[in-house]
N, C-alpha and C. Protein backbone atom coordinates (compact mmCIF):
# COMPACT_ATOMS: atom_id res chain seq x y z
N MET A 1 -31.24 -9.40 8.44
CA MET A 1 -30.72 -8.50 7.45
C MET A 1 -29.65 -9.24 6.66
N GLU A 2 -29.83 -9.28 5.38
CA GLU A 2 -28.89 -9.97 4.52
C GLU A 2 -28.11 -8.94 3.70
N THR A 3 -26.84 -9.05 3.74
CA THR A 3 -26.01 -8.17 2.93
C THR A 3 -25.24 -9.01 1.94
N THR A 4 -25.10 -8.48 0.76
CA THR A 4 -24.38 -9.17 -0.29
C THR A 4 -23.05 -8.47 -0.48
N ARG A 5 -21.99 -9.24 -0.37
CA ARG A 5 -20.65 -8.69 -0.53
C ARG A 5 -19.96 -9.40 -1.68
N ARG A 6 -19.17 -8.65 -2.39
CA ARG A 6 -18.37 -9.23 -3.46
C ARG A 6 -17.26 -10.06 -2.84
N PRO A 7 -16.72 -11.03 -3.57
CA PRO A 7 -15.61 -11.83 -3.02
C PRO A 7 -14.38 -11.00 -2.71
N GLY A 8 -14.16 -9.90 -3.42
CA GLY A 8 -12.97 -9.08 -3.19
C GLY A 8 -13.11 -8.07 -2.07
N ASP A 9 -14.30 -7.96 -1.47
CA ASP A 9 -14.50 -6.96 -0.42
C ASP A 9 -13.66 -7.23 0.83
N ASP A 10 -13.48 -8.50 1.17
CA ASP A 10 -12.65 -8.82 2.33
C ASP A 10 -11.20 -8.43 2.08
N LEU A 11 -10.73 -8.67 0.87
CA LEU A 11 -9.36 -8.28 0.52
C LEU A 11 -9.21 -6.76 0.53
N LEU A 12 -10.24 -6.07 0.08
CA LEU A 12 -10.21 -4.60 0.09
C LEU A 12 -10.20 -4.07 1.53
N ASP A 13 -10.96 -4.70 2.42
CA ASP A 13 -10.94 -4.30 3.83
C ASP A 13 -9.57 -4.52 4.46
N LEU A 14 -8.94 -5.64 4.12
CA LEU A 14 -7.60 -5.90 4.64
C LEU A 14 -6.60 -4.89 4.08
N ALA A 15 -6.74 -4.53 2.81
CA ALA A 15 -5.86 -3.52 2.22
C ALA A 15 -6.06 -2.17 2.90
N ARG A 16 -7.30 -1.83 3.23
CA ARG A 16 -7.56 -0.57 3.95
C ARG A 16 -6.89 -0.57 5.32
N ALA A 17 -6.94 -1.70 6.02
CA ALA A 17 -6.30 -1.78 7.34
C ALA A 17 -4.78 -1.64 7.21
N LEU A 18 -4.19 -2.27 6.20
CA LEU A 18 -2.74 -2.16 6.00
C LEU A 18 -2.36 -0.75 5.55
N LEU A 19 -3.23 -0.09 4.78
CA LEU A 19 -2.96 1.30 4.40
C LEU A 19 -2.99 2.22 5.62
N LEU A 20 -3.88 1.94 6.56
CA LEU A 20 -3.92 2.71 7.80
C LEU A 20 -2.62 2.52 8.59
N LEU A 21 -2.15 1.27 8.66
CA LEU A 21 -0.88 1.00 9.32
C LEU A 21 0.27 1.71 8.62
N GLN A 22 0.28 1.65 7.29
CA GLN A 22 1.35 2.29 6.54
C GLN A 22 1.30 3.82 6.70
N GLY A 23 0.12 4.39 6.72
CA GLY A 23 -0.01 5.83 6.95
C GLY A 23 0.50 6.24 8.31
N ALA A 24 0.21 5.42 9.33
CA ALA A 24 0.71 5.71 10.68
C ALA A 24 2.24 5.63 10.72
N ILE A 25 2.81 4.67 10.03
CA ILE A 25 4.27 4.56 9.98
C ILE A 25 4.86 5.77 9.27
N LEU A 26 4.21 6.24 8.20
CA LEU A 26 4.70 7.42 7.48
C LEU A 26 4.59 8.68 8.33
N VAL A 27 3.55 8.79 9.14
CA VAL A 27 3.43 9.94 10.05
C VAL A 27 4.56 9.91 11.07
N ALA A 28 4.85 8.74 11.62
CA ALA A 28 5.96 8.62 12.57
C ALA A 28 7.29 8.96 11.91
N THR A 29 7.46 8.54 10.66
CA THR A 29 8.68 8.85 9.92
C THR A 29 8.80 10.35 9.68
N THR A 30 7.69 11.00 9.40
CA THR A 30 7.68 12.45 9.20
C THR A 30 8.09 13.18 10.48
N ILE A 31 7.54 12.74 11.59
CA ILE A 31 7.90 13.37 12.87
C ILE A 31 9.38 13.17 13.17
N GLU A 32 9.88 11.96 12.92
CA GLU A 32 11.31 11.69 13.13
C GLU A 32 12.18 12.58 12.24
N ALA A 33 11.79 12.73 10.97
CA ALA A 33 12.57 13.57 10.06
C ALA A 33 12.53 15.04 10.48
N LEU A 34 11.39 15.49 10.99
CA LEU A 34 11.31 16.87 11.47
C LEU A 34 12.21 17.10 12.69
N VAL A 35 12.25 16.13 13.59
CA VAL A 35 13.11 16.25 14.78
C VAL A 35 14.57 16.28 14.35
N TRP A 36 14.98 15.39 13.46
CA TRP A 36 16.37 15.37 13.01
C TRP A 36 16.75 16.65 12.28
N SER A 37 15.83 17.17 11.48
CA SER A 37 16.16 18.41 10.77
C SER A 37 16.22 19.61 11.72
N ALA A 38 15.53 19.53 12.85
CA ALA A 38 15.60 20.62 13.84
C ALA A 38 16.92 20.60 14.60
N PHE A 39 17.41 19.40 14.90
CA PHE A 39 18.65 19.28 15.67
C PHE A 39 19.90 19.43 14.83
N PHE A 40 19.83 19.09 13.58
CA PHE A 40 20.99 19.19 12.70
C PHE A 40 20.70 20.23 11.62
N PRO A 41 21.32 21.41 11.72
CA PRO A 41 20.99 22.50 10.80
C PRO A 41 21.34 22.19 9.34
N GLY A 42 22.25 21.27 9.09
CA GLY A 42 22.62 20.95 7.71
C GLY A 42 21.66 19.97 7.05
N ALA A 43 20.76 19.39 7.83
CA ALA A 43 19.82 18.41 7.28
C ALA A 43 18.74 19.12 6.48
N SER A 44 18.40 18.54 5.37
CA SER A 44 17.35 19.15 4.54
C SER A 44 15.98 18.71 5.03
N GLY A 45 14.98 19.42 4.63
CA GLY A 45 13.62 19.09 5.01
C GLY A 45 12.93 18.19 4.02
N SER A 46 13.63 17.76 2.98
CA SER A 46 12.98 16.96 1.95
C SER A 46 12.50 15.59 2.45
N PRO A 47 13.22 14.88 3.34
CA PRO A 47 12.65 13.61 3.83
C PRO A 47 11.34 13.81 4.58
N ALA A 48 11.26 14.86 5.36
CA ALA A 48 10.01 15.14 6.08
C ALA A 48 8.90 15.50 5.10
N LEU A 49 9.23 16.27 4.09
CA LEU A 49 8.23 16.65 3.10
C LEU A 49 7.74 15.43 2.31
N MET A 50 8.67 14.57 1.90
CA MET A 50 8.30 13.40 1.11
C MET A 50 7.46 12.41 1.92
N SER A 51 7.87 12.12 3.14
CA SER A 51 7.11 11.16 3.94
C SER A 51 5.77 11.76 4.39
N GLY A 52 5.75 13.05 4.65
CA GLY A 52 4.48 13.70 5.00
C GLY A 52 3.50 13.70 3.84
N ALA A 53 4.00 13.99 2.65
CA ALA A 53 3.14 13.96 1.46
C ALA A 53 2.65 12.55 1.18
N ALA A 54 3.53 11.56 1.35
CA ALA A 54 3.13 10.16 1.14
C ALA A 54 2.06 9.76 2.15
N ALA A 55 2.20 10.20 3.40
CA ALA A 55 1.19 9.88 4.42
C ALA A 55 -0.16 10.47 4.06
N VAL A 56 -0.16 11.73 3.62
CA VAL A 56 -1.43 12.37 3.24
C VAL A 56 -2.08 11.64 2.06
N VAL A 57 -1.28 11.31 1.06
CA VAL A 57 -1.83 10.62 -0.12
C VAL A 57 -2.34 9.23 0.26
N ILE A 58 -1.62 8.53 1.13
CA ILE A 58 -2.06 7.20 1.57
C ILE A 58 -3.39 7.30 2.32
N PHE A 59 -3.51 8.29 3.22
CA PHE A 59 -4.76 8.44 3.97
C PHE A 59 -5.92 8.84 3.05
N VAL A 60 -5.67 9.73 2.09
CA VAL A 60 -6.73 10.11 1.14
C VAL A 60 -7.10 8.92 0.27
N GLY A 61 -6.10 8.21 -0.22
CA GLY A 61 -6.38 7.03 -1.04
C GLY A 61 -7.15 5.97 -0.27
N ARG A 62 -6.80 5.79 1.00
CA ARG A 62 -7.51 4.81 1.83
C ARG A 62 -8.96 5.22 2.04
N ALA A 63 -9.19 6.51 2.28
CA ALA A 63 -10.55 6.98 2.52
C ALA A 63 -11.42 6.87 1.27
N ARG A 64 -10.82 7.04 0.10
CA ARG A 64 -11.58 7.01 -1.15
C ARG A 64 -11.60 5.64 -1.82
N LEU A 65 -10.93 4.66 -1.23
CA LEU A 65 -10.79 3.35 -1.85
C LEU A 65 -12.12 2.60 -1.83
N ARG A 66 -12.63 2.32 -3.00
CA ARG A 66 -13.85 1.54 -3.17
C ARG A 66 -13.62 0.56 -4.32
N ALA A 67 -14.51 -0.39 -4.44
CA ALA A 67 -14.35 -1.40 -5.49
C ALA A 67 -14.51 -0.79 -6.89
N ASP A 68 -15.27 0.29 -7.01
CA ASP A 68 -15.54 0.85 -8.33
C ASP A 68 -14.71 2.10 -8.65
N ARG A 69 -13.78 2.47 -7.81
CA ARG A 69 -12.98 3.68 -8.04
C ARG A 69 -11.57 3.32 -8.47
N ARG A 70 -11.33 3.44 -9.74
CA ARG A 70 -10.01 3.10 -10.27
C ARG A 70 -8.97 4.15 -9.93
N TRP A 71 -9.36 5.43 -9.89
CA TRP A 71 -8.38 6.48 -9.65
C TRP A 71 -7.77 6.37 -8.26
N ALA A 72 -8.55 5.93 -7.28
CA ALA A 72 -8.01 5.76 -5.93
C ALA A 72 -6.99 4.63 -5.91
N ARG A 73 -7.30 3.55 -6.64
CA ARG A 73 -6.35 2.44 -6.73
C ARG A 73 -5.07 2.90 -7.42
N ARG A 74 -5.19 3.67 -8.48
CA ARG A 74 -4.01 4.15 -9.19
C ARG A 74 -3.18 5.08 -8.32
N LEU A 75 -3.83 5.88 -7.53
CA LEU A 75 -3.12 6.77 -6.61
C LEU A 75 -2.32 5.96 -5.59
N VAL A 76 -2.94 4.92 -5.04
CA VAL A 76 -2.25 4.06 -4.07
C VAL A 76 -1.12 3.31 -4.77
N TYR A 77 -1.35 2.81 -5.99
CA TYR A 77 -0.29 2.13 -6.74
C TYR A 77 0.90 3.05 -6.96
N PHE A 78 0.62 4.31 -7.28
CA PHE A 78 1.70 5.27 -7.53
C PHE A 78 2.56 5.48 -6.29
N VAL A 79 1.91 5.70 -5.15
CA VAL A 79 2.65 5.93 -3.92
C VAL A 79 3.41 4.67 -3.50
N GLU A 80 2.79 3.51 -3.64
CA GLU A 80 3.49 2.27 -3.30
C GLU A 80 4.70 2.07 -4.21
N GLY A 81 4.56 2.44 -5.47
CA GLY A 81 5.70 2.35 -6.39
C GLY A 81 6.83 3.28 -5.98
N LEU A 82 6.49 4.49 -5.56
CA LEU A 82 7.52 5.42 -5.09
C LEU A 82 8.21 4.91 -3.83
N ILE A 83 7.44 4.31 -2.93
CA ILE A 83 8.03 3.76 -1.72
C ILE A 83 8.98 2.61 -2.08
N LEU A 84 8.56 1.75 -3.01
CA LEU A 84 9.44 0.67 -3.44
C LEU A 84 10.69 1.18 -4.15
N LEU A 85 10.55 2.25 -4.93
CA LEU A 85 11.70 2.84 -5.61
C LEU A 85 12.72 3.39 -4.61
N THR A 86 12.24 4.12 -3.61
CA THR A 86 13.16 4.65 -2.61
C THR A 86 13.77 3.53 -1.78
N ALA A 87 13.01 2.47 -1.54
CA ALA A 87 13.58 1.33 -0.81
C ALA A 87 14.68 0.66 -1.63
N ALA A 88 14.47 0.54 -2.93
CA ALA A 88 15.50 -0.06 -3.79
C ALA A 88 16.77 0.80 -3.79
N ILE A 89 16.60 2.11 -3.81
CA ILE A 89 17.76 3.01 -3.75
C ILE A 89 18.47 2.86 -2.40
N ASN A 90 17.71 2.79 -1.30
CA ASN A 90 18.31 2.62 0.02
C ASN A 90 19.06 1.30 0.14
N VAL A 91 18.49 0.23 -0.41
CA VAL A 91 19.15 -1.07 -0.37
C VAL A 91 20.44 -1.03 -1.20
N ALA A 92 20.38 -0.41 -2.38
CA ALA A 92 21.58 -0.32 -3.22
C ALA A 92 22.68 0.49 -2.55
N ILE A 93 22.31 1.60 -1.93
CA ILE A 93 23.31 2.42 -1.23
C ILE A 93 23.88 1.66 -0.04
N GLY A 94 23.02 0.96 0.70
CA GLY A 94 23.48 0.18 1.85
C GLY A 94 24.43 -0.93 1.45
N LEU A 95 24.11 -1.60 0.35
CA LEU A 95 24.99 -2.67 -0.12
C LEU A 95 26.30 -2.12 -0.66
N ALA A 96 26.25 -0.98 -1.33
CA ALA A 96 27.46 -0.41 -1.92
C ALA A 96 28.39 0.18 -0.86
N LEU A 97 27.83 0.87 0.11
CA LEU A 97 28.67 1.57 1.09
C LEU A 97 28.97 0.75 2.34
N ALA A 98 27.95 0.07 2.88
CA ALA A 98 28.14 -0.64 4.14
C ALA A 98 28.24 -2.15 3.95
N HIS A 99 28.01 -2.62 2.75
CA HIS A 99 28.02 -4.05 2.45
C HIS A 99 27.04 -4.81 3.34
N ALA A 100 25.90 -4.20 3.60
CA ALA A 100 24.88 -4.83 4.44
C ALA A 100 23.51 -4.34 4.01
N LEU A 101 22.52 -5.16 4.28
CA LEU A 101 21.14 -4.77 4.01
C LEU A 101 20.64 -3.83 5.11
N PRO A 102 19.62 -3.05 4.82
CA PRO A 102 19.01 -2.22 5.88
C PRO A 102 18.40 -3.13 6.95
N PRO A 103 18.04 -2.57 8.09
CA PRO A 103 17.43 -3.37 9.16
C PRO A 103 16.14 -4.05 8.69
N MET A 104 15.80 -5.13 9.37
CA MET A 104 14.63 -5.93 8.99
C MET A 104 13.33 -5.11 9.04
N VAL A 105 13.20 -4.22 10.00
CA VAL A 105 11.98 -3.41 10.10
C VAL A 105 11.85 -2.51 8.88
N ALA A 106 12.94 -1.94 8.43
CA ALA A 106 12.90 -1.09 7.23
C ALA A 106 12.52 -1.92 6.01
N LEU A 107 13.03 -3.11 5.89
CA LEU A 107 12.67 -3.97 4.76
C LEU A 107 11.20 -4.36 4.81
N LEU A 108 10.70 -4.64 6.00
CA LEU A 108 9.28 -5.01 6.12
C LEU A 108 8.36 -3.85 5.78
N THR A 109 8.70 -2.65 6.25
CA THR A 109 7.79 -1.51 6.04
C THR A 109 7.96 -0.86 4.67
N GLN A 110 9.14 -0.98 4.07
CA GLN A 110 9.38 -0.31 2.78
C GLN A 110 9.33 -1.25 1.59
N VAL A 111 9.40 -2.54 1.81
CA VAL A 111 9.38 -3.48 0.69
C VAL A 111 8.18 -4.42 0.79
N VAL A 112 8.08 -5.13 1.90
CA VAL A 112 7.04 -6.16 2.02
C VAL A 112 5.64 -5.53 2.09
N LEU A 113 5.47 -4.51 2.92
CA LEU A 113 4.15 -3.89 3.07
C LEU A 113 3.61 -3.31 1.76
N PRO A 114 4.39 -2.54 0.98
CA PRO A 114 3.86 -2.06 -0.30
C PRO A 114 3.53 -3.19 -1.28
N ILE A 115 4.34 -4.25 -1.29
CA ILE A 115 4.05 -5.37 -2.20
C ILE A 115 2.76 -6.06 -1.80
N VAL A 116 2.56 -6.26 -0.50
CA VAL A 116 1.34 -6.92 -0.03
C VAL A 116 0.11 -6.06 -0.32
N ILE A 117 0.20 -4.76 -0.08
CA ILE A 117 -0.93 -3.87 -0.34
C ILE A 117 -1.27 -3.86 -1.83
N THR A 118 -0.26 -3.78 -2.67
CA THR A 118 -0.49 -3.80 -4.12
C THR A 118 -1.13 -5.11 -4.55
N ALA A 119 -0.64 -6.22 -4.04
CA ALA A 119 -1.21 -7.52 -4.39
C ALA A 119 -2.66 -7.65 -3.94
N LEU A 120 -2.96 -7.16 -2.73
CA LEU A 120 -4.34 -7.21 -2.24
C LEU A 120 -5.27 -6.35 -3.10
N LEU A 121 -4.82 -5.17 -3.47
CA LEU A 121 -5.66 -4.31 -4.30
C LEU A 121 -5.89 -4.93 -5.68
N ARG A 122 -4.86 -5.53 -6.24
CA ARG A 122 -5.02 -6.16 -7.55
C ARG A 122 -5.96 -7.36 -7.48
N ARG A 123 -5.84 -8.17 -6.42
CA ARG A 123 -6.70 -9.34 -6.30
C ARG A 123 -8.14 -8.95 -5.99
N SER A 124 -8.34 -7.87 -5.23
CA SER A 124 -9.70 -7.46 -4.89
C SER A 124 -10.41 -6.84 -6.09
N GLY A 125 -9.66 -6.32 -7.05
CA GLY A 125 -10.26 -5.69 -8.21
C GLY A 125 -10.65 -6.66 -9.31
N ARG A 126 -10.17 -7.89 -9.22
CA ARG A 126 -10.49 -8.89 -10.24
C ARG A 126 -11.93 -9.33 -10.12
N ARG A 127 -12.50 -9.63 -11.25
CA ARG A 127 -13.85 -10.18 -11.27
C ARG A 127 -13.74 -11.69 -11.11
N PRO A 128 -14.63 -12.30 -10.33
CA PRO A 128 -14.56 -13.74 -10.20
C PRO A 128 -14.92 -14.41 -11.53
N PRO A 129 -14.36 -15.59 -11.81
CA PRO A 129 -14.70 -16.26 -13.06
C PRO A 129 -16.16 -16.67 -13.06
N LYS A 130 -16.70 -16.78 -14.26
CA LYS A 130 -18.11 -17.17 -14.37
C LYS A 130 -18.26 -18.60 -13.88
N ALA A 131 -19.04 -18.73 -12.85
CA ALA A 131 -19.25 -20.06 -12.26
C ALA A 131 -20.54 -20.65 -12.82
N ALA A 132 -20.55 -21.93 -12.85
CA ALA A 132 -21.76 -22.63 -13.32
C ALA A 132 -22.82 -22.50 -12.23
N ALA A 133 -24.04 -22.24 -12.64
CA ALA A 133 -25.14 -22.08 -11.69
C ALA A 133 -26.07 -23.28 -11.81
N ILE A 134 -26.50 -23.76 -10.66
CA ILE A 134 -27.44 -24.88 -10.65
C ILE A 134 -28.81 -24.29 -10.40
N SER A 135 -29.70 -24.52 -11.36
CA SER A 135 -31.05 -23.97 -11.24
C SER A 135 -32.06 -25.07 -11.59
N GLY A 136 -32.86 -25.46 -10.64
CA GLY A 136 -33.88 -26.45 -10.90
C GLY A 136 -33.31 -27.82 -11.25
N GLY A 137 -32.17 -28.17 -10.72
CA GLY A 137 -31.57 -29.46 -10.99
C GLY A 137 -30.86 -29.54 -12.32
N VAL A 138 -30.88 -28.46 -13.12
CA VAL A 138 -30.23 -28.46 -14.43
C VAL A 138 -28.99 -27.58 -14.32
N LEU A 139 -27.88 -28.10 -14.76
CA LEU A 139 -26.63 -27.35 -14.73
C LEU A 139 -26.61 -26.37 -15.88
N GLN A 140 -26.51 -25.08 -15.56
CA GLN A 140 -26.46 -24.05 -16.58
C GLN A 140 -25.12 -23.33 -16.42
N GLY A 141 -24.32 -23.33 -17.44
CA GLY A 141 -23.03 -22.66 -17.35
C GLY A 141 -22.74 -21.93 -18.64
N ALA A 142 -21.58 -21.36 -18.72
CA ALA A 142 -21.16 -20.68 -19.94
C ALA A 142 -20.88 -21.71 -21.01
N SER A 143 -21.39 -21.48 -22.18
CA SER A 143 -21.18 -22.45 -23.25
C SER A 143 -20.17 -21.99 -24.24
């Protein structure tokens, strides 16, 4: 059985695996925010709502992610952009108030992971350049 795969399919599969990891991290963050809001009556429920909504969108985007579906890619790009925006705000607040960066795990999950997922999706969506084809000993390429 011979299957033909595009060059970007491996990158898309890796992006799907990282989206699954990111969705699991967002679910854990949602549970943590719900526990904190239950124990501290002054805490708002907005962190739990935001991370829960992001987890749902990430899982839906991951399930619908295909090479030919632009809207799923745009949905994932949007959520990754929001995650990067909130990470930038957290880093700015941490530097301004505590004069320190957030912990390394937070930087990896809120900065590095969204950048890597976005880069993988962008690279998997590109069309490969037109390569010269050898047919019958004669080189045929784009002229």
